[in-house]
């Protein structure tokens, strides 16, 4: 919650923004879970998503599903 807002960007994009971008992508849950665990850069500009190696695979999948369940930003 320090890096992502529920709706709008803080450091990284808001969870609702992420959900809106990936809403119709059937591979999104797996893709986002991988990004949570391994980190990424360049998907939202030059912002770095650091690795979250302490998050288990199953928790990463649950987090990805939760992010994708967020309503579109107003």
PDB file of N, CA and C in Angstrom:
ATOM      1  N   UNK A   1       0.815  -1.198   0.000  1.00  0.00           N
ATOM      2  CA  UNK A   1       0.000   0.000   0.000  1.00  0.00           C
ATOM      3  C   UNK A   1       0.863   1.269   0.000  1.00  0.00           C
ATOM      4  N   UNK A   2       2.151   1.117   0.258  1.00  0.00           N
ATOM      5  CA  UNK A   2       3.033   2.283   0.212  1.00  0.00           C
ATOM      6  C   UNK A   2       3.320   2.709  -1.224  1.00  0.00           C
ATOM      7  N   UNK A   3       3.228   1.790  -2.162  1.00  0.00           N
ATOM      8  CA  UNK A   3       3.571   2.092  -3.560  1.00  0.00           C
ATOM      9  C   UNK A   3       2.359   2.233  -4.469  1.00  0.00           C
ATOM     10  N   UNK A   4       1.264   1.558  -4.155  1.00  0.00           N
ATOM     11  CA  UNK A   4       0.081   1.557  -5.018  1.00  0.00           C
ATOM     12  C   UNK A   4      -1.120   2.093  -4.254  1.00  0.00           C
ATOM     13  N   UNK A   5      -1.843   3.019  -4.870  1.00  0.00           N
ATOM     14  CA  UNK A   5      -3.113   3.452  -4.315  1.00  0.00           C
ATOM     15  C   UNK A   5      -4.210   2.499  -4.759  1.00  0.00           C
ATOM     16  N   UNK A   6      -5.354   2.598  -4.138  1.00  0.00           N
ATOM     17  CA  UNK A   6      -6.471   1.754  -4.578  1.00  0.00           C
ATOM     18  C   UNK A   6      -6.950   2.156  -5.953  1.00  0.00           C
ATOM     19  N   UNK A   7      -7.004   3.464  -6.207  1.00  0.00           N
ATOM     20  CA  UNK A   7      -7.544   3.945  -7.477  1.00  0.00           C
ATOM     21  C   UNK A   7      -6.465   4.622  -8.321  1.00  0.00           C
ATOM     22  N   UNK A   8      -5.709   5.520  -7.733  1.00  0.00           N
ATOM     23  CA  UNK A   8      -4.754   6.341  -8.476  1.00  0.00           C
ATOM     24  C   UNK A   8      -3.307   5.983  -8.158  1.00  0.00           C
ATOM     25  N   UNK A   9      -2.430   6.440  -9.015  1.00  0.00           N
ATOM     26  CA  UNK A   9      -0.998   6.226  -8.883  1.00  0.00           C
ATOM     27  C   UNK A   9      -0.452   6.903  -7.628  1.00  0.00           C
ATOM     28  N   UNK A  10       0.428   6.196  -6.944  1.00  0.00           N
ATOM     29  CA  UNK A  10       1.264   6.803  -5.908  1.00  0.00           C
ATOM     30  C   UNK A  10       2.682   6.757  -6.459  1.00  0.00           C
ATOM     31  N   UNK A  11       3.404   5.699  -6.185  1.00  0.00           N
ATOM     32  CA  UNK A  11       4.684   5.465  -6.849  1.00  0.00           C
ATOM     33  C   UNK A  11       4.414   4.653  -8.113  1.00  0.00           C
ATOM     34  N   UNK A  12       3.702   3.550  -7.940  1.00  0.00           N
ATOM     35  CA  UNK A  12       3.262   2.719  -9.055  1.00  0.00           C
ATOM     36  C   UNK A  12       1.794   2.983  -9.322  1.00  0.00           C
ATOM     37  N   UNK A  13       1.234   2.363 -10.338  1.00  0.00           N
ATOM     38  CA  UNK A  13      -0.166   2.601 -10.699  1.00  0.00           C
ATOM     39  C   UNK A  13      -1.125   2.130  -9.610  1.00  0.00           C
ATOM     40  N   UNK A  14      -2.306   2.721  -9.593  1.00  0.00           N
ATOM     41  CA  UNK A  14      -3.337   2.292  -8.664  1.00  0.00           C
ATOM     42  C   UNK A  14      -3.854   0.910  -9.045  1.00  0.00           C
ATOM     43  N   UNK A  15      -4.342   0.180  -8.068  1.00  0.00           N
ATOM     44  CA  UNK A  15      -4.848  -1.168  -8.333  1.00  0.00           C
ATOM     45  C   UNK A  15      -5.992  -1.143  -9.349  1.00  0.00           C
ATOM     46  N   UNK A  16      -6.847  -0.122  -9.287  1.00  0.00           N
ATOM     47  CA  UNK A  16      -7.941  -0.018 -10.263  1.00  0.00           C
ATOM     48  C   UNK A  16      -7.398   0.224 -11.659  1.00  0.00           C
ATOM     49  N   UNK A  17      -6.304   0.965 -11.779  1.00  0.00           N
ATOM     50  CA  UNK A  17      -5.681   1.204 -13.085  1.00  0.00           C
ATOM     51  C   UNK A  17      -5.101  -0.095 -13.652  1.00  0.00           C
ATOM     52  N   UNK A  18      -4.484  -0.885 -12.801  1.00  0.00           N
ATOM     53  CA  UNK A  18      -3.935  -2.168 -13.225  1.00  0.00           C
ATOM     54  C   UNK A  18      -5.061  -3.079 -13.695  1.00  0.00           C
ATOM     55  N   UNK A  19      -6.132  -3.137 -12.910  1.00  0.00           N
ATOM     56  CA  UNK A  19      -7.273  -3.983 -13.277  1.00  0.00           C
ATOM     57  C   UNK A  19      -7.860  -3.554 -14.616  1.00  0.00           C
ATOM     58  N   UNK A  20      -7.971  -2.246 -14.833  1.00  0.00           N
ATOM     59  CA  UNK A  20      -8.537  -1.757 -16.091  1.00  0.00           C
ATOM     60  C   UNK A  20      -7.655  -2.146 -17.276  1.00  0.00           C
ATOM     61  N   UNK A  21      -6.350  -2.083 -17.113  1.00  0.00           N
ATOM     62  CA  UNK A  21      -5.438  -2.417 -18.219  1.00  0.00           C
ATOM     63  C   UNK A  21      -5.508  -3.891 -18.584  1.00  0.00           C
ATOM     64  N   UNK A  22      -5.628  -4.755 -17.586  1.00  0.00           N
ATOM     65  CA  UNK A  22      -5.536  -6.201 -17.812  1.00  0.00           C
ATOM     66  C   UNK A  22      -6.882  -6.927 -17.765  1.00  0.00           C
ATOM     67  N   UNK A  23      -7.971  -6.187 -17.635  1.00  0.00           N
ATOM     68  CA  UNK A  23      -9.289  -6.787 -17.411  1.00  0.00           C
ATOM     69  C   UNK A  23      -9.652  -7.887 -18.416  1.00  0.00           C
ATOM     70  N   UNK A  24      -9.371  -7.707 -19.681  1.00  0.00           N
ATOM     71  CA  UNK A  24      -9.786  -8.673 -20.704  1.00  0.00           C
ATOM     72  C   UNK A  24      -8.677  -9.626 -21.129  1.00  0.00           C
ATOM     73  N   UNK A  25      -7.623  -9.687 -20.370  1.00  0.00           N
ATOM     74  CA  UNK A  25      -6.489 -10.553 -20.698  1.00  0.00           C
ATOM     75  C   UNK A  25      -6.585 -11.835 -19.872  1.00  0.00           C
ATOM     76  N   UNK A  26      -6.875 -12.980 -20.510  1.00  0.00           N
ATOM     77  CA  UNK A  26      -7.030 -14.221 -19.749  1.00  0.00           C
ATOM     78  C   UNK A  26      -5.735 -14.687 -19.067  1.00  0.00           C
ATOM     79  N   UNK A  27      -4.586 -14.224 -19.544  1.00  0.00           N
ATOM     80  CA  UNK A  27      -3.320 -14.604 -18.923  1.00  0.00           C
ATOM     81  C   UNK A  27      -2.879 -13.667 -17.819  1.00  0.00           C
ATOM     82  N   UNK A  28      -3.676 -12.638 -17.542  1.00  0.00           N
ATOM     83  CA  UNK A  28      -3.289 -11.619 -16.579  1.00  0.00           C
ATOM     84  C   UNK A  28      -3.039 -12.144 -15.164  1.00  0.00           C
ATOM     85  N   UNK A  29      -3.865 -13.033 -14.621  1.00  0.00           N
ATOM     86  CA  UNK A  29      -3.592 -13.478 -13.245  1.00  0.00           C
ATOM     87  C   UNK A  29      -2.198 -14.091 -13.086  1.00  0.00           C
ATOM     88  N   UNK A  30      -1.814 -14.926 -14.013  1.00  0.00           N
ATOM     89  CA  UNK A  30      -0.493 -15.550 -13.948  1.00  0.00           C
ATOM     90  C   UNK A  30       0.599 -14.523 -14.181  1.00  0.00           C
ATOM     91  N   UNK A  31       0.396 -13.657 -15.153  1.00  0.00           N
ATOM     92  CA  UNK A  31       1.373 -12.625 -15.481  1.00  0.00           C
ATOM     93  C   UNK A  31       1.600 -11.692 -14.298  1.00  0.00           C
ATOM     94  N   UNK A  32       0.530 -11.244 -13.663  1.00  0.00           N
ATOM     95  CA  UNK A  32       0.667 -10.331 -12.525  1.00  0.00           C
ATOM     96  C   UNK A  32       1.281 -11.028 -11.316  1.00  0.00           C
ATOM     97  N   UNK A  33       0.916 -12.282 -11.090  1.00  0.00           N
ATOM     98  CA  UNK A  33       1.510 -13.030  -9.977  1.00  0.00           C
ATOM     99  C   UNK A  33       3.024 -13.142 -10.165  1.00  0.00           C
ATOM    100  N   UNK A  34       3.454 -13.355 -11.392  1.00  0.00           N
ATOM    101  CA  UNK A  34       4.886 -13.427 -11.685  1.00  0.00           C
ATOM    102  C   UNK A  34       5.554 -12.082 -11.440  1.00  0.00           C
ATOM    103  N   UNK A  35       4.897 -10.999 -11.826  1.00  0.00           N
ATOM    104  CA  UNK A  35       5.455  -9.663 -11.596  1.00  0.00           C
ATOM    105  C   UNK A  35       5.537  -9.348 -10.108  1.00  0.00           C
ATOM    106  N   UNK A  36       4.575  -9.802  -9.341  1.00  0.00           N
ATOM    107  CA  UNK A  36       4.609  -9.584  -7.900  1.00  0.00           C
ATOM    108  C   UNK A  36       5.834 -10.280  -7.304  1.00  0.00           C
ATOM    109  N   UNK A  37       6.045 -11.519  -7.674  1.00  0.00           N
ATOM    110  CA  UNK A  37       7.159 -12.299  -7.105  1.00  0.00           C
ATOM    111  C   UNK A  37       8.524 -11.869  -7.650  1.00  0.00           C
ATOM    112  N   UNK A  38       8.614 -11.618  -8.955  1.00  0.00           N
ATOM    113  CA  UNK A  38       9.914 -11.382  -9.592  1.00  0.00           C
ATOM    114  C   UNK A  38      10.236  -9.919  -9.845  1.00  0.00           C
ATOM    115  N   UNK A  39       9.233  -9.048  -9.698  1.00  0.00           N
ATOM    116  CA  UNK A  39       9.440  -7.640 -10.001  1.00  0.00           C
ATOM    117  C   UNK A  39       9.349  -7.379 -11.494  1.00  0.00           C
ATOM    118  N   UNK A  40       9.382  -6.108 -11.872  1.00  0.00           N
ATOM    119  CA  UNK A  40       9.354  -5.733 -13.284  1.00  0.00           C
ATOM    120  C   UNK A  40       9.733  -4.263 -13.404  1.00  0.00           C
ATOM    121  N   UNK A  41       9.986  -3.855 -14.622  1.00  0.00           N
ATOM    122  CA  UNK A  41      10.281  -2.451 -14.909  1.00  0.00           C
ATOM    123  C   UNK A  41       9.851  -2.152 -16.340  1.00  0.00           C
ATOM    124  N   UNK A  42       9.355  -0.938 -16.553  1.00  0.00           N
ATOM    125  CA  UNK A  42       9.022  -0.509 -17.900  1.00  0.00           C
ATOM    126  C   UNK A  42       7.591  -0.719 -18.328  1.00  0.00           C
ATOM    127  N   UNK A  43       6.776  -1.356 -17.519  1.00  0.00           N
ATOM    128  CA  UNK A  43       5.382  -1.580 -17.891  1.00  0.00           C
ATOM    129  C   UNK A  43       4.513  -0.349 -17.665  1.00  0.00           C
ATOM    130  N   UNK A  44       4.941   0.523 -16.763  1.00  0.00           N
ATOM    131  CA  UNK A  44       4.203   1.740 -16.425  1.00  0.00           C
ATOM    132  C   UNK A  44       5.179   2.914 -16.418  1.00  0.00           C
ATOM    133  N   UNK A  45       5.955   3.015 -17.458  1.00  0.00           N
ATOM    134  CA  UNK A  45       6.983   4.049 -17.501  1.00  0.00           C
ATOM    135  C   UNK A  45       8.265   3.512 -16.889  1.00  0.00           C
ATOM    136  N   UNK A  46       9.003   4.361 -16.241  1.00  0.00           N
ATOM    137  CA  UNK A  46      10.306   3.968 -15.698  1.00  0.00           C
ATOM    138  C   UNK A  46      10.225   3.507 -14.244  1.00  0.00           C
ATOM    139  N   UNK A  47       9.039   3.293 -13.749  1.00  0.00           N
ATOM    140  CA  UNK A  47       8.847   2.864 -12.362  1.00  0.00           C
ATOM    141  C   UNK A  47       9.262   1.401 -12.203  1.00  0.00           C
ATOM    142  N   UNK A  48      10.000   1.117 -11.157  1.00  0.00           N
ATOM    143  CA  UNK A  48      10.452  -0.244 -10.876  1.00  0.00           C
ATOM    144  C   UNK A  48       9.524  -0.890  -9.860  1.00  0.00           C
ATOM    145  N   UNK A  49       9.054  -2.086 -10.192  1.00  0.00           N
ATOM    146  CA  UNK A  49       8.315  -2.913  -9.237  1.00  0.00           C
ATOM    147  C   UNK A  49       9.342  -3.868  -8.639  1.00  0.00           C
ATOM    148  N   UNK A  50       9.709  -3.674  -7.358  1.00  0.00           N
ATOM    149  CA  UNK A  50      10.722  -4.554  -6.775  1.00  0.00           C
ATOM    150  C   UNK A  50      10.198  -5.966  -6.543  1.00  0.00           C
ATOM    151  N   UNK A  51      11.118  -6.919  -6.531  1.00  0.00           N
ATOM    152  CA  UNK A  51      10.766  -8.316  -6.239  1.00  0.00           C
ATOM    153  C   UNK A  51      10.119  -8.400  -4.866  1.00  0.00           C
ATOM    154  N   UNK A  52       9.163  -9.281  -4.755  1.00  0.00           N
ATOM    155  CA  UNK A  52       8.530  -9.581  -3.471  1.00  0.00           C
ATOM    156  C   UNK A  52       8.750 -11.066  -3.204  1.00  0.00           C
ATOM    157  N   UNK A  53       9.999 -11.438  -3.008  1.00  0.00           N
ATOM    158  CA  UNK A  53      10.375 -12.854  -2.922  1.00  0.00           C
ATOM    159  C   UNK A  53       9.827 -13.555  -1.683  1.00  0.00           C
ATOM    160  N   UNK A  54       9.392 -12.806  -0.709  1.00  0.00           N
ATOM    161  CA  UNK A  54       8.818 -13.435   0.494  1.00  0.00           C
ATOM    162  C   UNK A  54       7.360 -13.817   0.309  1.00  0.00           C
ATOM    163  N   UNK A  55       6.760 -13.341  -0.774  1.00  0.00           N
ATOM    164  CA  UNK A  55       5.371 -13.684  -1.092  1.00  0.00           C
ATOM    165  C   UNK A  55       5.381 -15.053  -1.780  1.00  0.00           C
ATOM    166  N   UNK A  56       4.592 -15.974  -1.257  1.00  0.00           N
ATOM    167  CA  UNK A  56       4.535 -17.316  -1.851  1.00  0.00           C
ATOM    168  C   UNK A  56       3.817 -17.271  -3.197  1.00  0.00           C
ATOM    169  N   UNK A  57       3.996 -18.315  -3.979  1.00  0.00           N
ATOM    170  CA  UNK A  57       3.301 -18.399  -5.273  1.00  0.00           C
ATOM    171  C   UNK A  57       1.791 -18.310  -5.092  1.00  0.00           C
ATOM    172  N   UNK A  58       1.267 -19.033  -4.115  1.00  0.00           N
ATOM    173  CA  UNK A  58      -0.192 -19.020  -3.914  1.00  0.00           C
ATOM    174  C   UNK A  58      -0.670 -17.654  -3.433  1.00  0.00           C
ATOM    175  N   UNK A  59       0.100 -16.987  -2.578  1.00  0.00           N
ATOM    176  CA  UNK A  59      -0.282 -15.640  -2.144  1.00  0.00           C
ATOM    177  C   UNK A  59      -0.190 -14.645  -3.299  1.00  0.00           C
ATOM    178  N   UNK A  60       0.818 -14.790  -4.160  1.00  0.00           N
ATOM    179  CA  UNK A  60       0.945 -13.906  -5.319  1.00  0.00           C
ATOM    180  C   UNK A  60      -0.257 -14.074  -6.250  1.00  0.00           C
ATOM    181  N   UNK A  61      -0.697 -15.300  -6.443  1.00  0.00           N
ATOM    182  CA  UNK A  61      -1.873 -15.544  -7.284  1.00  0.00           C
ATOM    183  C   UNK A  61      -3.122 -14.927  -6.660  1.00  0.00           C
ATOM    184  N   UNK A  62      -3.259 -15.062  -5.341  1.00  0.00           N
ATOM    185  CA  UNK A  62      -4.408 -14.473  -4.650  1.00  0.00           C
ATOM    186  C   UNK A  62      -4.373 -12.944  -4.743  1.00  0.00           C
ATOM    187  N   UNK A  63      -3.200 -12.353  -4.579  1.00  0.00           N
ATOM    188  CA  UNK A  63      -3.066 -10.896  -4.704  1.00  0.00           C
ATOM    189  C   UNK A  63      -3.403 -10.440  -6.120  1.00  0.00           C
ATOM    190  N   UNK A  64      -2.922 -11.169  -7.120  1.00  0.00           N
ATOM    191  CA  UNK A  64      -3.208 -10.822  -8.512  1.00  0.00           C
ATOM    192  C   UNK A  64      -4.710 -10.874  -8.781  1.00  0.00           C
ATOM    193  N   UNK A  65      -5.369 -11.899  -8.297  1.00  0.00           N
ATOM    194  CA  UNK A  65      -6.830 -12.009  -8.477  1.00  0.00           C
ATOM    195  C   UNK A  65      -7.546 -10.844  -7.798  1.00  0.00           C
ATOM    196  N   UNK A  66      -7.082 -10.470  -6.608  1.00  0.00           N
ATOM    197  CA  UNK A  66      -7.702  -9.346  -5.891  1.00  0.00           C
ATOM    198  C   UNK A  66      -7.515  -8.055  -6.673  1.00  0.00           C
ATOM    199  N   UNK A  67      -6.299  -7.807  -7.152  1.00  0.00           N
ATOM    200  CA  UNK A  67      -6.043  -6.594  -7.939  1.00  0.00           C
ATOM    201  C   UNK A  67      -6.962  -6.562  -9.153  1.00  0.00           C
ATOM    202  N   UNK A  68      -7.065  -7.667  -9.848  1.00  0.00           N
ATOM    203  CA  UNK A  68      -7.893  -7.716 -11.059  1.00  0.00           C
ATOM    204  C   UNK A  68      -9.385  -7.584 -10.773  1.00  0.00           C
ATOM    205  N   UNK A  69      -9.794  -7.788  -9.542  1.00  0.00           N
ATOM    206  CA  UNK A  69     -11.211  -7.677  -9.188  1.00  0.00           C
ATOM    207  C   UNK A  69     -11.628  -6.235  -8.874  1.00  0.00           C
ATOM    208  N   UNK A  70     -10.678  -5.310  -8.869  1.00  0.00           N
ATOM    209  CA  UNK A  70     -10.990  -3.922  -8.530  1.00  0.00           C
ATOM    210  C   UNK A  70     -11.801  -3.276  -9.649  1.00  0.00           C
ATOM    211  N   UNK A  71     -12.754  -2.418  -9.278  1.00  0.00           N
ATOM    212  CA  UNK A  71     -13.556  -1.737 -10.308  1.00  0.00           C
ATOM    213  C   UNK A  71     -12.707  -0.730 -11.072  1.00  0.00           C
ATOM    214  N   UNK A  72     -13.156  -0.389 -12.259  1.00  0.00           N
ATOM    215  CA  UNK A  72     -12.452   0.612 -13.071  1.00  0.00           C
ATOM    216  C   UNK A  72     -12.414   1.953 -12.339  1.00  0.00           C
ATOM    217  N   UNK A  73     -11.339   2.715 -12.555  1.00  0.00           N
ATOM    218  CA  UNK A  73     -11.273   4.019 -11.899  1.00  0.00           C
ATOM    219  C   UNK A  73     -12.371   4.946 -12.426  1.00  0.00           C
ATOM    220  N   UNK A  74     -12.849   5.836 -11.556  1.00  0.00           N
ATOM    221  CA  UNK A  74     -13.919   6.759 -11.986  1.00  0.00           C
ATOM    222  C   UNK A  74     -13.441   7.743 -13.039  1.00  0.00           C
TER     223      UNK A  74
END
